[in-house]
Amino acid sequence: MPFKTQTLQAAVEDLDQVLQAQSSDEPREWVRRLDHTLWEVEQAGQSQGNPLEAFEGDGPTSGPEFSSATSQRRVACLQDWLTGVLLEAGALREDLRQVAAGLYHQGPLSAEFHNLRNRTSALIEAFRQYEQEEIRFLVESVNTDIGAGD
């Protein structure tokens, strides 16, 4: 069966579901699910590449509003934002592995679980903010194109 990467949005929604299930899952199972879902988020984010590349070239939104210095800076900021959030997902996975090792040796670690839950929640919020900013940029750019020269 071929490997299929899901979209970043779907992976983040899965992450939110795992976060919500934390109270009903056995701690080791929750850690396993969180680790796997964070991996899926990283894979989806890395395979997505530059989501704005689809608007380059000879397409309907290839006009000057996408090649302006301001637009290029906004695209670069969006890419930096996504990269930072993906790096946080990787760091969270590393910390999760350390907590998992302690879980197997010491039993439940409530403070560490609370910290993981808070960081995961903040990560989900950062992804959602990124997505909203990306949408805002695209809508503003398309609206600029539609209004120009009419």
Foldseek 3Di string as FASTA:
>chain_A
DDDDQDALVVLLVQLVVLLVCCVVDDPLVSLVSNLVSLVSNLVNLVVCPQVCPVQDDDDPLNDPLCVDPVNVVLSVVLVVLSVVLNVLSVVLSVLSVVVSVCCVVPNDDVVSVVVSSVSSVVSSVSVVVSVVSVVVSVVVSVVCSVPPPD
